Amino acid sequence: MTEKQFVITDEAGIHARPASALVGSLSKFKSDITMEFNGKKVNLKSILGVMSLGVSSGSTVTIAADGEDEEQAIAQITEVMKNEGLSN
């Protein structure tokens, strides 16, 4: 399992547009990928799951990937988080 923490820097937190980009970028990965915030863990491949977390600016989220392509998945997530302005 590979985990990485991100501090959300977008003023609106994780809202629909960047959440959609994040979820959409993960469909090719076979690994199980989750996002955890405030003790709640959701499938990061589910837009409804991600939106249900209500992640606000300044919050820290933990993303974990477990499977054969977990390192590539975390690298992809890191890239999308930066490109969407969600995290530095």
PDB file of N, CA and C in Angstrom:
ATOM      1  N   MET A   1       0.850  -1.185   0.000  1.00  0.00           N
ATOM      2  CA  MET A   1       0.000   0.000   0.000  1.00  0.00           C
ATOM      3  C   MET A   1       0.889   1.239   0.000  1.00  0.00           C
ATOM      4  N   THR A   2       0.499   2.204  -0.802  1.00  0.00           N
ATOM      5  CA  THR A   2       1.192   3.485  -0.880  1.00  0.00           C
ATOM      6  C   THR A   2       0.222   4.575  -0.446  1.00  0.00           C
ATOM      7  N   GLU A   3       0.681   5.462   0.451  1.00  0.00           N
ATOM      8  CA  GLU A   3      -0.156   6.554   0.940  1.00  0.00           C
ATOM      9  C   GLU A   3       0.553   7.881   0.758  1.00  0.00           C
ATOM     10  N   LYS A   4      -0.243   8.919   0.583  1.00  0.00           N
ATOM     11  CA  LYS A   4       0.308  10.266   0.510  1.00  0.00           C
ATOM     12  C   LYS A   4      -0.718  11.241   1.065  1.00  0.00           C
ATOM     13  N   GLN A   5      -0.231  12.229   1.809  1.00  0.00           N
ATOM     14  CA  GLN A   5      -1.113  13.261   2.346  1.00  0.00           C
ATOM     15  C   GLN A   5      -1.001  14.523   1.498  1.00  0.00           C
ATOM     16  N   PHE A   6      -2.143  15.199   1.367  1.00  0.00           N
ATOM     17  CA  PHE A   6      -2.211  16.452   0.619  1.00  0.00           C
ATOM     18  C   PHE A   6      -2.920  17.486   1.473  1.00  0.00           C
ATOM     19  N   VAL A   7      -2.408  18.715   1.464  1.00  0.00           N
ATOM     20  CA  VAL A   7      -3.103  19.846   2.082  1.00  0.00           C
ATOM     21  C   VAL A   7      -3.815  20.562   0.945  1.00  0.00           C
ATOM     22  N   ILE A   8      -5.124  20.725   1.083  1.00  0.00           N
ATOM     23  CA  ILE A   8      -5.936  21.322   0.027  1.00  0.00           C
ATOM     24  C   ILE A   8      -5.775  22.837   0.058  1.00  0.00           C
ATOM     25  N   THR A   9      -5.326  23.397  -1.063  1.00  0.00           N
ATOM     26  CA  THR A   9      -5.038  24.832  -1.140  1.00  0.00           C
ATOM     27  C   THR A   9      -6.091  25.618  -1.920  1.00  0.00           C
ATOM     28  N   ASP A  10      -6.946  24.953  -2.671  1.00  0.00           N
ATOM     29  CA  ASP A  10      -8.003  25.642  -3.416  1.00  0.00           C
ATOM     30  C   ASP A  10      -8.951  26.313  -2.424  1.00  0.00           C
ATOM     31  N   GLU A  11      -9.278  27.584  -2.655  1.00  0.00           N
ATOM     32  CA  GLU A  11     -10.151  28.325  -1.737  1.00  0.00           C
ATOM     33  C   GLU A  11     -11.508  27.669  -1.538  1.00  0.00           C
ATOM     34  N   ALA A  12     -11.990  26.966  -2.562  1.00  0.00           N
ATOM     35  CA  ALA A  12     -13.300  26.307  -2.485  1.00  0.00           C
ATOM     36  C   ALA A  12     -13.196  24.858  -2.007  1.00  0.00           C
ATOM     37  N   GLY A  13     -12.002  24.407  -1.693  1.00  0.00           N
ATOM     38  CA  GLY A  13     -11.829  23.018  -1.273  1.00  0.00           C
ATOM     39  C   GLY A  13     -11.936  22.094  -2.484  1.00  0.00           C
ATOM     40  N   ILE A  14     -12.315  20.850  -2.247  1.00  0.00           N
ATOM     41  CA  ILE A  14     -12.505  19.915  -3.353  1.00  0.00           C
ATOM     42  C   ILE A  14     -13.951  20.039  -3.800  1.00  0.00           C
ATOM     43  N   HIS A  15     -14.145  20.746  -4.911  1.00  0.00           N
ATOM     44  CA  HIS A  15     -15.492  20.969  -5.442  1.00  0.00           C
ATOM     45  C   HIS A  15     -15.661  20.159  -6.725  1.00  0.00           C
ATOM     46  N   ALA A  16     -16.781  20.288  -7.391  1.00  0.00           N
ATOM     47  CA  ALA A  16     -17.176  19.400  -8.486  1.00  0.00           C
ATOM     48  C   ALA A  16     -16.175  19.297  -9.634  1.00  0.00           C
ATOM     49  N   ARG A  17     -15.695  20.414 -10.155  1.00  0.00           N
ATOM     50  CA  ARG A  17     -14.824  20.348 -11.327  1.00  0.00           C
ATOM     51  C   ARG A  17     -13.517  19.606 -11.046  1.00  0.00           C
ATOM     52  N   PRO A  18     -12.745  19.990 -10.020  1.00  0.00           N
ATOM     53  CA  PRO A  18     -11.509  19.252  -9.783  1.00  0.00           C
ATOM     54  C   PRO A  18     -11.758  17.820  -9.293  1.00  0.00           C
ATOM     55  N   ALA A  19     -12.843  17.614  -8.580  1.00  0.00           N
ATOM     56  CA  ALA A  19     -13.164  16.248  -8.136  1.00  0.00           C
ATOM     57  C   ALA A  19     -13.427  15.360  -9.343  1.00  0.00           C
ATOM     58  N   SER A  20     -14.121  15.903 -10.328  1.00  0.00           N
ATOM     59  CA  SER A  20     -14.400  15.150 -11.550  1.00  0.00           C
ATOM     60  C   SER A  20     -13.112  14.827 -12.304  1.00  0.00           C
ATOM     61  N   ALA A  21     -12.205  15.783 -12.390  1.00  0.00           N
ATOM     62  CA  ALA A  21     -10.921  15.553 -13.057  1.00  0.00           C
ATOM     63  C   ALA A  21     -10.114  14.489 -12.327  1.00  0.00           C
ATOM     64  N   LEU A  22     -10.133  14.555 -11.015  1.00  0.00           N
ATOM     65  CA  LEU A  22      -9.396  13.585 -10.201  1.00  0.00           C
ATOM     66  C   LEU A  22      -9.957  12.175 -10.385  1.00  0.00           C
ATOM     67  N   VAL A  23     -11.252  12.033 -10.228  1.00  0.00           N
ATOM     68  CA  VAL A  23     -11.911  10.733 -10.373  1.00  0.00           C
ATOM     69  C   VAL A  23     -11.725  10.185 -11.796  1.00  0.00           C
ATOM     70  N   GLY A  24     -11.902  11.052 -12.788  1.00  0.00           N
ATOM     71  CA  GLY A  24     -11.783  10.627 -14.176  1.00  0.00           C
ATOM     72  C   GLY A  24     -10.393  10.141 -14.550  1.00  0.00           C
ATOM     73  N   SER A  25      -9.378  10.664 -13.891  1.00  0.00           N
ATOM     74  CA  SER A  25      -8.008  10.279 -14.216  1.00  0.00           C
ATOM     75  C   SER A  25      -7.624   8.914 -13.650  1.00  0.00           C
ATOM     76  N   LEU A  26      -8.483   8.338 -12.826  1.00  0.00           N
ATOM     77  CA  LEU A  26      -8.124   7.100 -12.131  1.00  0.00           C
ATOM     78  C   LEU A  26      -8.752   5.842 -12.703  1.00  0.00           C
ATOM     79  N   SER A  27      -9.626   5.972 -13.679  1.00  0.00           N
ATOM     80  CA  SER A  27     -10.361   4.812 -14.184  1.00  0.00           C
ATOM     81  C   SER A  27      -9.453   3.737 -14.775  1.00  0.00           C
ATOM     82  N   LYS A  28      -8.285   4.120 -15.258  1.00  0.00           N
ATOM     83  CA  LYS A  28      -7.386   3.151 -15.887  1.00  0.00           C
ATOM     84  C   LYS A  28      -6.600   2.304 -14.887  1.00  0.00           C
ATOM     85  N   PHE A  29      -6.634   2.682 -13.618  1.00  0.00           N
ATOM     86  CA  PHE A  29      -5.846   1.962 -12.619  1.00  0.00           C
ATOM     87  C   PHE A  29      -6.622   0.802 -12.015  1.00  0.00           C
ATOM     88  N   LYS A  30      -5.927  -0.302 -11.798  1.00  0.00           N
ATOM     89  CA  LYS A  30      -6.544  -1.499 -11.221  1.00  0.00           C
ATOM     90  C   LYS A  30      -6.535  -1.458  -9.695  1.00  0.00           C
ATOM     91  N   SER A  31      -5.660  -0.672  -9.114  1.00  0.00           N
ATOM     92  CA  SER A  31      -5.540  -0.587  -7.654  1.00  0.00           C
ATOM     93  C   SER A  31      -6.813  -0.046  -7.014  1.00  0.00           C
ATOM     94  N   ASP A  32      -7.027  -0.435  -5.770  1.00  0.00           N
ATOM     95  CA  ASP A  32      -8.065   0.180  -4.949  1.00  0.00           C
ATOM     96  C   ASP A  32      -7.492   1.500  -4.454  1.00  0.00           C
ATOM     97  N   ILE A  33      -8.234   2.584  -4.647  1.00  0.00           N
ATOM     98  CA  ILE A  33      -7.743   3.912  -4.286  1.00  0.00           C
ATOM     99  C   ILE A  33      -8.781   4.587  -3.401  1.00  0.00           C
ATOM    100  N   THR A  34      -8.334   5.070  -2.246  1.00  0.00           N
ATOM    101  CA  THR A  34      -9.256   5.705  -1.304  1.00  0.00           C
ATOM    102  C   THR A  34      -8.754   7.085  -0.907  1.00  0.00           C
ATOM    103  N   MET A  35      -9.710   7.909  -0.476  1.00  0.00           N
ATOM    104  CA  MET A  35      -9.408   9.209   0.111  1.00  0.00           C
ATOM    105  C   MET A  35     -10.010   9.213   1.505  1.00  0.00           C
ATOM    106  N   GLU A  36      -9.219   9.670   2.481  1.00  0.00           N
ATOM    107  CA  GLU A  36      -9.702   9.733   3.857  1.00  0.00           C
ATOM    108  C   GLU A  36      -9.641  11.170   4.353  1.00  0.00           C
ATOM    109  N   PHE A  37     -10.743  11.578   5.012  1.00  0.00           N
ATOM    110  CA  PHE A  37     -10.838  12.921   5.571  1.00  0.00           C
ATOM    111  C   PHE A  37     -11.730  12.859   6.797  1.00  0.00           C
ATOM    112  N   ASN A  38     -11.256  13.412   7.907  1.00  0.00           N
ATOM    113  CA  ASN A  38     -12.021  13.431   9.165  1.00  0.00           C
ATOM    114  C   ASN A  38     -12.531  12.054   9.563  1.00  0.00           C
ATOM    115  N   GLY A  39     -11.708  11.033   9.387  1.00  0.00           N
ATOM    116  CA  GLY A  39     -12.078   9.683   9.815  1.00  0.00           C
ATOM    117  C   GLY A  39     -12.996   8.935   8.869  1.00  0.00           C
ATOM    118  N   LYS A  40     -13.377   9.561   7.758  1.00  0.00           N
ATOM    119  CA  LYS A  40     -14.244   8.897   6.780  1.00  0.00           C
ATOM    120  C   LYS A  40     -13.422   8.565   5.536  1.00  0.00           C
ATOM    121  N   LYS A  41     -13.537   7.335   5.064  1.00  0.00           N
ATOM    122  CA  LYS A  41     -12.783   6.871   3.903  1.00  0.00           C
ATOM    123  C   LYS A  41     -13.747   6.520   2.782  1.00  0.00           C
ATOM    124  N   VAL A  42     -13.450   7.013   1.561  1.00  0.00           N
ATOM    125  CA  VAL A  42     -14.304   6.749   0.401  1.00  0.00           C
ATOM    126  C   VAL A  42     -13.452   6.266  -0.775  1.00  0.00           C
ATOM    127  N   ASN A  43     -14.116   5.618  -1.710  1.00  0.00           N
ATOM    128  CA  ASN A  43     -13.496   5.184  -2.948  1.00  0.00           C
ATOM    129  C   ASN A  43     -13.210   6.424  -3.795  1.00  0.00           C
ATOM    130  N   LEU A  44     -11.956   6.640  -4.143  1.00  0.00           N
ATOM    131  CA  LEU A  44     -11.584   7.837  -4.899  1.00  0.00           C
ATOM    132  C   LEU A  44     -12.016   7.750  -6.360  1.00  0.00           C
ATOM    133  N   LYS A  45     -12.493   6.598  -6.787  1.00  0.00           N
ATOM    134  CA  LYS A  45     -12.997   6.456  -8.155  1.00  0.00           C
ATOM    135  C   LYS A  45     -14.488   6.801  -8.230  1.00  0.00           C
ATOM    136  N   SER A  46     -15.069   7.257  -7.117  1.00  0.00           N
ATOM    137  CA  SER A  46     -16.484   7.607  -7.045  1.00  0.00           C
ATOM    138  C   SER A  46     -16.649   9.107  -6.799  1.00  0.00           C
ATOM    139  N   ILE A  47     -17.203   9.826  -7.774  1.00  0.00           N
ATOM    140  CA  ILE A  47     -17.401  11.264  -7.617  1.00  0.00           C
ATOM    141  C   ILE A  47     -18.324  11.563  -6.443  1.00  0.00           C
ATOM    142  N   LEU A  48     -19.355  10.765  -6.259  1.00  0.00           N
ATOM    143  CA  LEU A  48     -20.265  10.985  -5.126  1.00  0.00           C
ATOM    144  C   LEU A  48     -19.552  10.786  -3.799  1.00  0.00           C
ATOM    145  N   GLY A  49     -18.686   9.795  -3.745  1.00  0.00           N
ATOM    146  CA  GLY A  49     -17.920   9.556  -2.525  1.00  0.00           C
ATOM    147  C   GLY A  49     -17.026  10.733  -2.194  1.00  0.00           C
ATOM    148  N   VAL A  50     -16.309  11.215  -3.191  1.00  0.00           N
ATOM    149  CA  VAL A  50     -15.398  12.341  -2.979  1.00  0.00           C
ATOM    150  C   VAL A  50     -16.171  13.586  -2.542  1.00  0.00           C
ATOM    151  N   MET A  51     -17.262  13.886  -3.224  1.00  0.00           N
ATOM    152  CA  MET A  51     -18.047  15.068  -2.884  1.00  0.00           C
ATOM    153  C   MET A  51     -18.680  14.954  -1.499  1.00  0.00           C
ATOM    154  N   SER A  52     -19.004  13.735  -1.079  1.00  0.00           N
ATOM    155  CA  SER A  52     -19.638  13.539   0.232  1.00  0.00           C
ATOM    156  C   SER A  52     -18.710  13.880   1.396  1.00  0.00           C
ATOM    157  N   LEU A  53     -17.407  13.938   1.142  1.00  0.00           N
ATOM    158  CA  LEU A  53     -16.466  14.250   2.219  1.00  0.00           C
ATOM    159  C   LEU A  53     -16.508  15.714   2.632  1.00  0.00           C
ATOM    160  N   GLY A  54     -16.883  16.599   1.717  1.00  0.00           N
ATOM    161  CA  GLY A  54     -16.948  18.025   2.048  1.00  0.00           C
ATOM    162  C   GLY A  54     -15.609  18.610   2.442  1.00  0.00           C
ATOM    163  N   VAL A  55     -14.573  18.307   1.688  1.00  0.00           N
ATOM    164  CA  VAL A  55     -13.222  18.760   2.020  1.00  0.00           C
ATOM    165  C   VAL A  55     -13.082  20.254   1.725  1.00  0.00           C
ATOM    166  N   SER A  56     -12.699  21.012   2.730  1.00  0.00           N
ATOM    167  CA  SER A  56     -12.558  22.462   2.599  1.00  0.00           C
ATOM    168  C   SER A  56     -11.086  22.862   2.489  1.00  0.00           C
ATOM    169  N   SER A  57     -10.867  24.113   2.110  1.00  0.00           N
ATOM    170  CA  SER A  57      -9.521  24.653   1.974  1.00  0.00           C
ATOM    171  C   SER A  57      -8.772  24.552   3.299  1.00  0.00           C
ATOM    172  N   GLY A  58      -7.502  24.184   3.216  1.00  0.00           N
ATOM    173  CA  GLY A  58      -6.671  24.049   4.408  1.00  0.00           C
ATOM    174  C   GLY A  58      -6.735  22.685   5.054  1.00  0.00           C
ATOM    175  N   SER A  59      -7.646  21.844   4.585  1.00  0.00           N
ATOM    176  CA  SER A  59      -7.790  20.494   5.135  1.00  0.00           C
ATOM    177  C   SER A  59      -6.703  19.573   4.603  1.00  0.00           C
ATOM    178  N   THR A  60      -6.395  18.551   5.379  1.00  0.00           N
ATOM    179  CA  THR A  60      -5.447  17.530   4.955  1.00  0.00           C
ATOM    180  C   THR A  60      -6.213  16.252   4.655  1.00  0.00           C
ATOM    181  N   VAL A  61      -5.960  15.681   3.476  1.00  0.00           N
ATOM    182  CA  VAL A  61      -6.565  14.410   3.088  1.00  0.00           C
ATOM    183  C   VAL A  61      -5.452  13.386   2.901  1.00  0.00           C
ATOM    184  N   THR A  62      -5.790  12.132   3.151  1.00  0.00           N
ATOM    185  CA  THR A  62      -4.849  11.043   2.917  1.00  0.00           C
ATOM    186  C   THR A  62      -5.390  10.201   1.781  1.00  0.00           C
ATOM    187  N   ILE A  63      -4.555   9.991   0.793  1.00  0.00           N
ATOM    188  CA  ILE A  63      -4.931   9.153  -0.338  1.00  0.00           C
ATOM    189  C   ILE A  63      -4.070   7.904  -0.299  1.00  0.00           C
ATOM    190  N   ALA A  64      -4.723   6.759  -0.420  1.00  0.00           N
ATOM    191  CA  ALA A  64      -4.022   5.474  -0.383  1.00  0.00           C
ATOM    192  C   ALA A  64      -4.384   4.667  -1.614  1.00  0.00           C
ATOM    193  N   ALA A  65      -3.386   3.979  -2.146  1.00  0.00           N
ATOM    194  CA  ALA A  65      -3.596   3.083  -3.279  1.00  0.00           C
ATOM    195  C   ALA A  65      -3.011   1.725  -2.906  1.00  0.00           C
ATOM    196  N   ASP A  66      -3.745   0.682  -3.244  1.00  0.00           N
ATOM    197  CA  ASP A  66      -3.305  -0.664  -2.921  1.00  0.00           C
ATOM    198  C   ASP A  66      -3.551  -1.567  -4.120  1.00  0.00           C
ATOM    199  N   GLY A  67      -2.475  -2.052  -4.731  1.00  0.00           N
ATOM    200  CA  GLY A  67      -2.613  -2.928  -5.889  1.00  0.00           C
ATOM    201  C   GLY A  67      -1.371  -2.894  -6.752  1.00  0.00           C
ATOM    202  N   GLU A  68      -1.484  -3.530  -7.897  1.00  0.00           N
ATOM    203  CA  GLU A  68      -0.320  -3.707  -8.762  1.00  0.00           C
ATOM    204  C   GLU A  68       0.220  -2.408  -9.366  1.00  0.00           C
ATOM    205  N   ASP A  69      -0.608  -1.391  -9.502  1.00  0.00           N
ATOM    206  CA  ASP A  69      -0.155  -0.128 -10.091  1.00  0.00           C
ATOM    207  C   ASP A  69      -0.296   1.044  -9.105  1.00  0.00           C
ATOM    208  N   GLU A  70      -0.156   0.741  -7.818  1.00  0.00           N
ATOM    209  CA  GLU A  70      -0.386   1.756  -6.783  1.00  0.00           C
ATOM    210  C   GLU A  70       0.559   2.949  -6.887  1.00  0.00           C
ATOM    211  N   GLU A  71       1.826   2.721  -7.188  1.00  0.00           N
ATOM    212  CA  GLU A  71       2.770   3.839  -7.275  1.00  0.00           C
ATOM    213  C   GLU A  71       2.446   4.755  -8.441  1.00  0.00           C
ATOM    214  N   GLN A  72       2.052   4.175  -9.571  1.00  0.00           N
ATOM    215  CA  GLN A  72       1.666   4.981 -10.721  1.00  0.00           C
ATOM    216  C   GLN A  72       0.391   5.769 -10.421  1.00  0.00           C
ATOM    217  N   ALA A  73      -0.535   5.152  -9.694  1.00  0.00           N
ATOM    218  CA  ALA A  73      -1.777   5.832  -9.328  1.00  0.00           C
ATOM    219  C   ALA A  73      -1.500   7.042  -8.436  1.00  0.00           C
ATOM    220  N   ILE A  74      -0.638   6.886  -7.455  1.00  0.00           N
ATOM    221  CA  ILE A  74      -0.297   8.009  -6.564  1.00  0.00           C
ATOM    222  C   ILE A  74       0.402   9.111  -7.353  1.00  0.00           C
ATOM    223  N   ALA A  75       1.271   8.738  -8.286  1.00  0.00           N
ATOM    224  CA  ALA A  75       1.941   9.741  -9.124  1.00  0.00           C
ATOM    225  C   ALA A  75       0.916  10.509  -9.960  1.00  0.00           C
ATOM    226  N   GLN A  76      -0.069   9.811 -10.513  1.00  0.00           N
ATOM    227  CA  GLN A  76      -1.129  10.449 -11.306  1.00  0.00           C
ATOM    228  C   GLN A  76      -1.958  11.392 -10.437  1.00  0.00           C
ATOM    229  N   ILE A  77      -2.311  10.953  -9.249  1.00  0.00           N
ATOM    230  CA  ILE A  77      -3.095  11.769  -8.322  1.00  0.00           C
ATOM    231  C   ILE A  77      -2.327  13.044  -7.960  1.00  0.00           C
ATOM    232  N   THR A  78      -1.042  12.894  -7.685  1.00  0.00           N
ATOM    233  CA  THR A  78      -0.211  14.048  -7.339  1.00  0.00           C
ATOM    234  C   THR A  78      -0.211  15.068  -8.476  1.00  0.00           C
ATOM    235  N   GLU A  79      -0.089  14.584  -9.709  1.00  0.00           N
ATOM    236  CA  GLU A  79      -0.090  15.458 -10.878  1.00  0.00           C
ATOM    237  C   GLU A  79      -1.429  16.181 -11.029  1.00  0.00           C
ATOM    238  N   VAL A  80      -2.524  15.459 -10.896  1.00  0.00           N
ATOM    239  CA  VAL A  80      -3.851  16.067 -11.027  1.00  0.00           C
ATOM    240  C   VAL A  80      -4.092  17.074  -9.907  1.00  0.00           C
ATOM    241  N   MET A  81      -3.699  16.751  -8.702  1.00  0.00           N
ATOM    242  CA  MET A  81      -3.884  17.675  -7.566  1.00  0.00           C
ATOM    243  C   MET A  81      -3.168  19.002  -7.846  1.00  0.00           C
ATOM    244  N   LYS A  82      -1.962  18.933  -8.412  1.00  0.00           N
ATOM    245  CA  LYS A  82      -1.214  20.147  -8.744  1.00  0.00           C
ATOM    246  C   LYS A  82      -1.862  20.892  -9.920  1.00  0.00           C
ATOM    247  N   ASN A  83      -2.196  20.157 -10.975  1.00  0.00           N
ATOM    248  CA  ASN A  83      -2.764  20.783 -12.175  1.00  0.00           C
ATOM    249  C   ASN A  83      -4.115  21.448 -11.914  1.00  0.00           C
ATOM    250  N   GLU A  84      -4.900  20.879 -11.010  1.00  0.00           N
ATOM    251  CA  GLU A  84      -6.223  21.432 -10.688  1.00  0.00           C
ATOM    252  C   GLU A  84      -6.162  22.483  -9.592  1.00  0.00           C
ATOM    253  N   GLY A  85      -4.968  22.774  -9.097  1.00  0.00           N
ATOM    254  CA  GLY A  85      -4.810  23.793  -8.062  1.00  0.00           C
ATOM    255  C   GLY A  85      -5.333  23.376  -6.702  1.00  0.00           C
ATOM    256  N   LEU A  86      -5.456  22.072  -6.494  1.00  0.00           N
ATOM    257  CA  LEU A  86      -5.947  21.575  -5.208  1.00  0.00           C
ATOM    258  C   LEU A  86      -4.862  21.523  -4.149  1.00  0.00           C
ATOM    259  N   SER A  87      -3.627  21.312  -4.578  1.00  0.00           N
ATOM    260  CA  SER A  87      -2.515  21.144  -3.647  1.00  0.00           C
ATOM    261  C   SER A  87      -1.228  21.568  -4.329  1.00  0.00           C
ATOM    262  N   ASN A  88      -0.236  21.937  -3.534  1.00  0.00           N
ATOM    263  CA  ASN A  88       1.075  22.332  -4.087  1.00  0.00           C
ATOM    264  C   ASN A  88       1.922  21.135  -4.403  1.00  0.00           C
TER     265      ASN A  88
END
